[in-house]
Protein backbone atom coordinates (compact mmCIF):
# COMPACT_ATOMS: atom_id res chain seq x y z
CA MET A 1 33.82 -24.78 -29.00
CA VAL A 2 30.45 -23.72 -27.48
CA VAL A 3 28.72 -27.01 -28.18
CA ASP A 4 31.31 -29.11 -26.36
CA ASP A 5 31.01 -27.31 -22.98
CA LEU A 6 29.45 -29.38 -20.31
CA VAL A 7 27.37 -26.56 -19.15
CA TRP A 8 24.90 -27.43 -21.86
CA GLN A 9 23.97 -30.50 -20.05
CA SER A 10 22.28 -28.35 -17.40
CA ILE A 11 21.07 -25.63 -19.75
CA GLU A 12 19.23 -27.78 -22.19
CA PRO A 13 16.58 -29.26 -19.85
CA TRP A 14 16.26 -25.80 -18.29
CA MET A 15 15.44 -24.31 -21.74
CA ILE A 16 13.02 -27.08 -22.47
CA GLU A 17 11.17 -26.39 -19.04
CA ILE A 18 10.97 -22.69 -19.93
CA ARG A 19 9.74 -23.47 -23.31
CA ARG A 20 6.96 -25.65 -21.97
CA GLY A 21 5.90 -23.13 -19.45
CA ILE A 22 5.55 -20.50 -22.15
CA HIS A 23 3.69 -22.95 -24.35
CA ARG A 24 1.06 -23.58 -21.71
CA HIS A 25 0.21 -19.84 -21.42
CA PRO A 26 0.34 -18.33 -25.03
CA GLU A 27 -0.23 -14.63 -25.46
CA LEU A 28 -1.18 -12.72 -28.59
CA GLY A 29 0.14 -9.63 -30.42
CA LEU A 30 1.62 -6.88 -28.38
CA GLU A 31 -0.09 -8.09 -25.20
CA THR A 32 2.49 -10.52 -23.72
CA PRO A 33 2.68 -9.49 -20.05
CA ARG A 34 3.04 -12.96 -18.57
CA THR A 35 5.87 -13.89 -20.92
CA ALA A 36 7.72 -10.64 -20.48
CA ARG A 37 7.56 -11.08 -16.67
CA LEU A 38 8.97 -14.65 -17.07
CA VAL A 39 11.78 -13.28 -19.19
CA GLU A 40 12.56 -10.56 -16.73
CA THR A 41 12.54 -12.96 -13.71
CA THR A 42 14.89 -15.25 -15.65
CA LEU A 43 17.23 -12.51 -16.50
CA ASP A 44 17.24 -11.41 -12.82
CA GLU A 45 18.17 -14.96 -11.82
CA LEU A 46 20.99 -14.87 -14.30
CA GLY A 47 22.24 -11.42 -13.13
CA ILE A 48 21.60 -9.78 -16.49
CA ALA A 49 20.45 -6.11 -16.57
CA HIS A 50 17.25 -5.44 -18.42
CA SER A 51 14.66 -2.83 -19.21
CA ARG A 52 11.42 -2.34 -21.10
CA PRO A 53 11.62 -0.30 -24.25
CA ILE A 54 7.91 -0.84 -24.79
CA ALA A 55 5.09 -2.12 -22.63
CA HIS A 56 5.71 -5.89 -23.06
CA GLY A 57 9.07 -5.90 -24.85
CA VAL A 58 12.19 -6.62 -22.96
CA ARG A 59 15.84 -5.52 -23.55
CA GLY A 60 18.56 -7.36 -21.85
CA VAL A 61 22.36 -6.46 -22.04
CA LEU A 62 25.53 -8.55 -21.50
CA ALA A 63 29.03 -7.00 -21.25
CA ALA A 64 27.61 -3.52 -21.24
CA GLU A 65 30.94 -2.03 -20.18
CA ARG A 66 32.66 -3.21 -23.34
CA ARG A 67 33.56 -0.40 -25.83
CA GLY A 68 32.39 -0.53 -29.44
CA PRO A 69 29.12 -1.23 -31.30
CA ALA A 70 26.83 -3.99 -29.86
CA LEU A 71 25.48 -7.19 -31.35
CA LEU A 72 21.71 -7.75 -31.22
CA LEU A 73 20.17 -11.27 -30.65
CA ARG A 74 16.45 -11.32 -31.02
CA ALA A 75 13.56 -13.68 -30.17
CA ASP A 76 9.82 -13.11 -30.43
CA MET A 77 7.22 -14.01 -27.72
CA ASP A 78 3.65 -14.01 -29.24
CA ALA A 79 1.45 -16.94 -30.23
CA LEU A 80 -1.25 -17.49 -32.81
CA PRO A 81 -5.13 -17.51 -32.40
CA ILE A 82 -5.30 -21.34 -33.10
CA GLU A 83 -6.80 -24.01 -31.03
CA GLU A 84 -4.16 -26.60 -30.14
CA LEU A 85 -5.05 -30.08 -31.42
CA ASN A 86 -2.62 -32.51 -29.73
CA ASP A 87 -2.43 -34.24 -26.42
CA LEU A 88 0.97 -33.04 -25.17
CA PRO A 89 1.21 -32.81 -21.34
CA PHE A 90 2.16 -29.21 -21.67
CA ARG A 91 -0.50 -28.24 -24.36
CA SER A 92 -1.92 -24.77 -24.28
CA GLU A 93 -4.17 -24.10 -21.37
CA ILE A 94 -5.83 -21.06 -23.16
CA GLN A 95 -8.72 -21.75 -25.58
CA ASP A 96 -8.04 -20.64 -29.23
CA ARG A 97 -4.40 -19.80 -28.64
CA MET A 98 -1.33 -21.80 -29.40
CA HIS A 99 2.45 -21.33 -29.94
CA ALA A 100 1.97 -22.81 -33.48
CA CYS A 101 5.00 -20.82 -35.01
CA GLY A 102 7.50 -21.73 -32.31
CA HIS A 103 8.07 -18.38 -30.62
CA ASP A 104 8.07 -20.24 -27.29
CA CYS A 105 11.11 -22.07 -28.52
CA HIS A 106 12.66 -18.81 -29.76
CA THR A 107 12.31 -17.18 -26.33
CA ALA A 108 13.66 -20.32 -24.63
CA MET A 109 16.71 -20.45 -26.94
CA LEU A 110 17.72 -16.81 -26.39
CA LEU A 111 17.37 -17.33 -22.62
CA GLY A 112 19.51 -20.39 -23.10
CA ALA A 113 22.09 -18.43 -25.03
CA ALA A 114 22.00 -15.68 -22.34
CA ARG A 115 22.73 -18.16 -19.62
CA TYR A 116 25.70 -19.60 -21.36
CA LEU A 117 27.02 -16.15 -22.34
CA LYS A 118 26.69 -14.96 -18.85
CA ALA A 119 29.00 -17.67 -17.66
CA ARG A 120 31.54 -16.55 -20.26
CA GLU A 121 30.83 -12.81 -20.22
CA ALA A 122 34.47 -11.94 -19.77
CA GLU A 123 35.12 -13.44 -23.21
CA LEU A 124 32.70 -11.23 -25.08
CA ARG A 125 34.38 -8.72 -27.29
CA ARG A 126 31.46 -6.25 -27.45
CA PRO A 127 28.13 -5.65 -25.79
CA VAL A 128 25.40 -8.04 -26.57
CA VAL A 129 21.71 -6.76 -26.70
CA LEU A 130 18.98 -9.37 -26.06
CA MET A 131 15.65 -8.26 -27.80
CA PHE A 132 12.59 -10.15 -26.59
CA GLN A 133 9.84 -8.86 -28.90
CA PRO A 134 6.11 -9.14 -28.75
CA GLY A 135 3.73 -8.89 -31.69
CA GLU A 136 5.77 -10.35 -34.54
CA GLU A 137 2.58 -12.15 -35.79
CA GLY A 138 0.94 -8.79 -35.90
CA PRO A 139 0.53 -5.96 -35.53
CA GLY A 140 4.33 -5.94 -35.56
CA GLY A 141 6.52 -5.35 -32.51
CA ALA A 142 9.85 -4.71 -34.23
CA VAL A 143 9.01 -1.12 -35.25
CA PRO A 144 7.91 0.03 -31.84
CA MET A 145 11.05 -1.32 -30.32
CA ILE A 146 13.24 0.22 -32.91
CA GLU A 147 11.50 3.50 -32.31
CA ALA A 148 12.04 3.04 -28.60
CA GLY A 149 15.87 2.75 -29.17
CA ILE A 150 16.59 -1.00 -29.25
CA LEU A 151 19.09 -0.50 -32.07
CA ASP A 152 20.98 2.37 -30.50
CA GLY A 153 24.54 1.56 -30.47
CA VAL A 154 23.97 -1.75 -32.35
CA GLU A 155 26.16 -2.71 -35.35
CA ALA A 156 24.64 -5.87 -36.52
CA GLY A 157 21.86 -8.30 -35.54
CA MET A 158 20.40 -11.73 -35.86
CA MET A 159 17.27 -13.55 -35.10
CA VAL A 160 16.28 -17.30 -34.51
CA HIS A 161 13.34 -19.06 -36.14
CA VAL A 162 12.30 -22.64 -36.02
CA ASP A 163 12.05 -24.53 -39.31
CA SER A 164 9.91 -27.67 -39.53
CA ASP A 165 11.59 -28.61 -42.87
CA LEU A 166 14.91 -29.18 -41.13
CA GLU A 167 15.60 -32.02 -38.72
CA ALA A 168 16.38 -31.25 -35.12
CA GLY A 169 19.98 -30.15 -34.70
CA VAL A 170 20.38 -28.69 -38.16
CA ILE A 171 20.89 -24.93 -38.75
CA GLY A 172 19.79 -23.31 -41.95
CA LEU A 173 21.27 -20.05 -43.39
CA ARG A 174 20.17 -17.88 -46.40
CA GLU A 175 21.84 -14.83 -47.68
CA GLY A 176 20.27 -12.00 -49.80
CA PRO A 177 16.55 -12.13 -50.28
CA ALA A 178 15.44 -14.54 -47.57
CA MET A 179 11.80 -13.85 -46.76
CA GLY A 180 9.15 -12.22 -48.67
CA SER A 181 7.11 -9.01 -48.36
CA CYS A 182 3.52 -9.11 -47.34
CA ASP A 183 0.57 -6.76 -48.20
CA ASP A 184 -2.98 -7.81 -47.39
CA PHE A 185 -6.01 -6.49 -49.15
CA ARG A 186 -9.75 -6.33 -49.08
CA LEU A 187 -11.71 -6.02 -52.22
CA THR A 188 -15.54 -5.31 -52.39
CA ILE A 189 -17.28 -5.80 -55.84
CA HIS A 190 -20.56 -3.91 -56.35
CA GLY A 191 -22.85 -5.30 -58.96
CA ARG A 192 -26.61 -5.19 -59.42
CA GLY A 193 -28.86 -7.86 -58.04
CA GLY A 194 -31.66 -9.69 -59.90
CA HIS A 195 -33.42 -12.97 -60.37
CA GLY A 196 -31.41 -16.03 -61.16
CA SER A 197 -33.55 -16.66 -64.23
CA THR A 198 -32.69 -13.44 -65.77
CA PRO A 199 -28.95 -12.89 -65.20
CA HIS A 200 -28.81 -10.34 -68.14
CA GLN A 201 -30.85 -7.96 -66.08
CA GLY A 202 -28.36 -7.80 -63.33
CA ILE A 203 -24.55 -7.51 -62.83
CA ASP A 204 -23.50 -10.70 -61.15
CA ALA A 205 -20.82 -9.85 -58.52
CA ILE A 206 -19.95 -13.43 -58.09
CA PHE A 207 -19.22 -13.88 -61.80
CA VAL A 208 -17.08 -10.75 -61.64
CA ALA A 209 -15.29 -11.91 -58.61
CA THR A 210 -14.30 -15.21 -60.35
CA ALA A 211 -13.04 -13.20 -63.42
CA ILE A 212 -10.87 -11.02 -61.15
CA VAL A 213 -9.36 -13.97 -59.35
CA GLN A 214 -8.57 -15.62 -62.69
CA ALA A 215 -7.06 -12.36 -64.05
CA TRP A 216 -4.84 -11.98 -60.87
CA GLN A 217 -3.21 -15.37 -61.51
CA ALA A 218 -2.49 -14.18 -65.12
CA VAL A 219 -0.57 -11.34 -63.49
CA VAL A 220 1.48 -13.88 -61.72
CA SER A 221 2.08 -16.42 -64.41
CA ARG A 222 2.24 -14.08 -67.50
CA GLU A 223 3.54 -10.73 -66.22
CA GLN A 224 5.94 -11.56 -63.50
CA ASP A 225 9.51 -12.86 -64.02
CA ALA A 226 9.54 -16.51 -63.05
CA PHE A 227 12.85 -15.93 -61.23
CA ASP A 228 11.55 -13.26 -59.10
CA PRO A 229 8.74 -14.95 -56.99
CA LEU A 230 5.32 -13.54 -56.60
CA VAL A 231 2.14 -14.98 -55.10
CA VAL A 232 -1.36 -13.53 -55.04
CA THR A 233 -3.64 -15.50 -52.82
CA VAL A 234 -7.40 -14.96 -52.17
CA GLY A 235 -8.07 -16.31 -48.75
CA THR A 236 -11.74 -15.56 -48.23
CA ILE A 237 -14.68 -14.69 -50.49
CA HIS A 238 -18.16 -14.03 -49.42
CA GLY A 239 -21.29 -13.06 -51.32
CA GLY A 240 -24.70 -13.96 -52.39
CA TYR A 241 -28.12 -14.73 -50.76
CA ARG A 242 -29.50 -17.84 -52.19
CA GLU A 243 -29.43 -20.18 -55.18
CA ASN A 244 -31.82 -18.22 -57.41
CA VAL A 245 -30.55 -14.60 -56.70
CA ILE A 246 -28.01 -12.71 -58.64
CA ALA A 247 -25.52 -11.41 -56.10
CA ASP A 248 -25.09 -7.70 -55.96
CA ARG A 249 -22.05 -7.69 -53.70
CA VAL A 250 -18.98 -9.81 -52.91
CA GLU A 251 -16.17 -9.27 -50.56
CA MET A 252 -12.83 -11.06 -50.66
CA THR A 253 -9.67 -10.77 -48.82
CA GLY A 254 -6.20 -11.91 -49.81
CA THR A 255 -2.35 -11.46 -49.56
CA ILE A 256 0.32 -10.40 -52.01
CA ARG A 257 3.73 -11.95 -51.38
CA ALA A 258 6.93 -10.81 -53.17
CA MET A 259 10.67 -11.42 -53.05
CA SER A 260 11.92 -8.15 -54.23
CA PRO A 261 10.88 -4.48 -53.50
CA ALA A 262 10.36 -3.86 -57.18
CA ALA A 263 8.09 -6.90 -57.64
CA ARG A 264 6.22 -5.85 -54.54
CA LYS A 265 5.52 -2.34 -55.73
CA ARG A 266 4.46 -3.44 -59.13
CA ALA A 267 2.26 -6.27 -57.84
CA VAL A 268 0.36 -4.07 -55.40
CA SER A 269 -0.35 -1.57 -58.32
CA ARG A 270 -1.24 -4.28 -60.83
CA VAL A 271 -3.73 -6.21 -58.43
CA ALA A 272 -5.62 -2.95 -57.84
CA GLU A 273 -5.71 -1.96 -61.56
CA VAL A 274 -6.71 -5.45 -62.83
CA ALA A 275 -9.56 -5.70 -60.42
CA ASP A 276 -10.88 -2.34 -61.49
CA GLY A 277 -10.40 -3.11 -65.16
CA VAL A 278 -12.24 -6.46 -64.94
CA ALA A 279 -15.01 -5.09 -62.97
CA ARG A 280 -15.52 -2.14 -65.45
CA THR A 281 -15.60 -4.70 -68.25
CA HIS A 282 -18.57 -6.30 -66.69
CA GLY A 283 -20.35 -3.10 -65.55
CA ALA A 284 -19.44 -3.42 -61.96
CA ARG A 285 -17.25 -1.23 -59.68
CA VAL A 286 -14.81 -2.09 -56.88
CA GLU A 287 -13.39 -0.65 -53.68
CA PHE A 288 -9.83 -1.87 -53.00
CA VAL A 289 -8.16 -1.42 -49.63
CA LEU A 290 -4.58 -2.25 -49.00
CA GLU A 291 -3.05 -2.97 -45.71
CA ALA A 292 0.68 -2.58 -46.13
CA GLY A 293 2.65 -5.32 -44.38
CA TYR A 294 6.33 -6.31 -43.68
CA PRO A 295 8.98 -5.61 -46.32
CA VAL A 296 11.25 -8.10 -47.91
CA PHE A 297 13.85 -9.50 -45.48
CA MET A 298 17.27 -9.00 -46.99
CA ALA A 299 19.84 -11.07 -45.11
CA ASP A 300 23.15 -9.15 -45.28
CA VAL A 301 25.53 -11.24 -47.55
CA PRO A 302 28.93 -10.61 -45.80
CA TRP A 303 27.39 -11.01 -42.33
CA THR A 304 25.55 -14.29 -43.38
CA GLN A 305 28.65 -15.68 -44.93
CA SER A 306 30.69 -14.91 -41.82
CA ALA A 307 27.97 -16.75 -39.76
CA ARG A 308 28.23 -19.76 -42.09
CA ARG A 309 31.99 -20.00 -41.50
CA ILE A 310 31.65 -19.68 -37.74
CA LEU A 311 28.75 -22.06 -37.30
CA THR A 312 30.28 -24.63 -39.56
CA GLU A 313 33.36 -24.60 -37.24
CA GLU A 314 31.29 -24.79 -34.17
CA LEU A 315 28.60 -27.17 -35.09
CA GLY A 316 30.15 -29.26 -37.85
CA PRO A 317 29.56 -29.00 -41.69
CA GLU A 318 26.82 -31.56 -41.49
CA ALA A 319 24.84 -29.41 -39.18
CA VAL A 320 24.88 -26.22 -41.33
CA ARG A 321 22.78 -26.01 -44.62
CA GLU A 322 21.93 -23.50 -47.14
CA ILE A 323 18.14 -23.16 -47.36
CA PRO A 324 15.93 -21.67 -50.01
CA PRO A 325 14.18 -18.32 -49.65
CA THR A 326 10.58 -18.31 -48.29
CA LEU A 327 7.56 -16.17 -49.03
CA GLY A 328 6.72 -16.34 -45.42
CA VAL A 329 7.29 -12.94 -43.85
CA GLU A 330 9.06 -11.54 -40.74
CA ASP A 331 9.02 -8.10 -39.07
CA PHE A 332 12.72 -8.55 -38.31
CA ALA A 333 13.02 -7.25 -41.94
CA TYR A 334 12.63 -3.67 -40.46
CA VAL A 335 15.82 -4.31 -38.44
CA ALA A 336 17.58 -5.59 -41.52
CA GLU A 337 16.66 -2.33 -43.33
CA ARG A 338 18.80 -0.46 -40.74
CA ILE A 339 21.65 -2.75 -39.78
CA PRO A 340 23.28 -5.86 -41.29
CA ALA A 341 21.15 -8.93 -40.08
CA PHE A 342 20.22 -12.49 -40.99
CA CYS A 343 18.08 -15.28 -39.59
CA ILE A 344 19.29 -18.56 -37.97
CA ALA A 345 16.72 -21.23 -39.03
CA VAL A 346 16.70 -24.01 -36.39
CA GLY A 347 15.38 -27.44 -37.35
CA ILE A 348 12.71 -28.89 -35.13
CA ALA A 349 11.54 -31.86 -37.28
CA GLY A 350 11.56 -35.07 -35.49
CA PRO A 351 9.70 -38.47 -35.25
CA ALA A 352 6.55 -36.98 -33.86
CA LEU A 353 6.24 -34.15 -36.37
CA THR A 354 3.07 -34.55 -38.56
CA THR A 355 2.34 -30.96 -39.53
CA GLY A 356 4.41 -27.79 -40.11
CA LEU A 357 4.34 -24.32 -38.65
CA HIS A 358 1.11 -22.37 -38.12
CA SER A 359 -0.65 -25.69 -37.69
CA ALA A 360 -2.85 -26.81 -34.72
CA GLY A 361 -0.99 -30.14 -34.63
CA LEU A 362 2.62 -28.82 -34.56
CA ILE A 363 4.88 -30.94 -32.37
CA VAL A 364 8.49 -29.59 -31.90
CA ASP A 365 11.46 -31.92 -31.38
CA GLU A 366 12.92 -30.03 -28.48
CA ARG A 367 16.43 -31.29 -29.28
CA GLY A 368 16.62 -28.42 -31.71
CA LEU A 369 16.65 -25.86 -28.84
CA LYS A 370 20.28 -26.66 -27.92
CA ALA A 371 21.49 -26.06 -31.53
CA GLY A 372 19.64 -22.82 -31.75
CA ALA A 373 20.91 -21.41 -28.44
CA ALA A 374 24.58 -22.65 -29.21
CA ALA A 375 24.40 -20.95 -32.58
CA LEU A 376 23.36 -17.67 -30.94
CA ALA A 377 26.03 -18.07 -28.32
CA ALA A 378 28.76 -18.93 -30.86
CA MET A 379 28.00 -15.77 -32.94
CA ALA A 380 28.12 -13.68 -29.77
CA LEU A 381 31.49 -14.99 -28.69
CA ARG A 382 33.25 -15.11 -32.06
CA SER A 383 31.83 -12.43 -34.29
């Protein structure tokens, strides 16, 4: 069993040190040169061959001489534009940047798994491809790496992601629809300005905006199947000049999250249609701009079931749980559209946790790193 090997006693603190080093120097989007160099240096030290399919993405390969299709293990490397608000000794040293989604942990776990697998490389039944990806938080690094050939010769894949709803040491799995789709939008409402004392002489863009927001929520609650989740969220809204002026223009931005391709397609269409219809009712007009995002992440059912069996045997039944789907999104969904794939959710909740992912106060229980790395290694050795 991979978790019983004494080698983890040296790998675990090594992983934690790598994670903390990455945490101190967060990088955004596709621009992750420092992290990519750290990954390459570490792979060199481990004797693992590697290349760069894209500028700051790294591909490593174990057991390259094995015949047959490969297994893909993926970790992402980018951070978020958030100012870190905690006093950890290894807190971010770069203003307005933080690893608030745990990608520092993901990279460290995959390197930990690579170190373990290198020591047992002779036992691998097929090649193992290590995918260190930039840009998961946007603009999206999976597609460029796919286009550069990261999936060539690959039969199946898996990713790892920390989960602040699971305690450290616990692994979560979900088969079928696992993560939602995401489409962001910008809506501009054009009304007609006027004096606040004579609203009937203008077309109040703020009033129209409120009517549109209400109507969108009716689409969710009255048109959408309650067992096929959909969320329409308005995140920003800006308009108006002062208290006694009828606003002639409002801009709002938001996101549409769905759990099935059909719901996604219909929701995008209805959000635009409803906005236009409500605006016309009040004599206004709208401009709707959609920015298509990541698709629904469909975790392959047989592959996930196989993982549940293997990980239960390796980690113990108390350490493997079924988790609900989430409308959080993940660009590994593009990989899952092409090959069987799933996500290993790694618990990182501990006594110091006060806030969840994407929060300026996130504190990870680093005991979770061993479980995540061991899960990746187990799948590589036994699948």
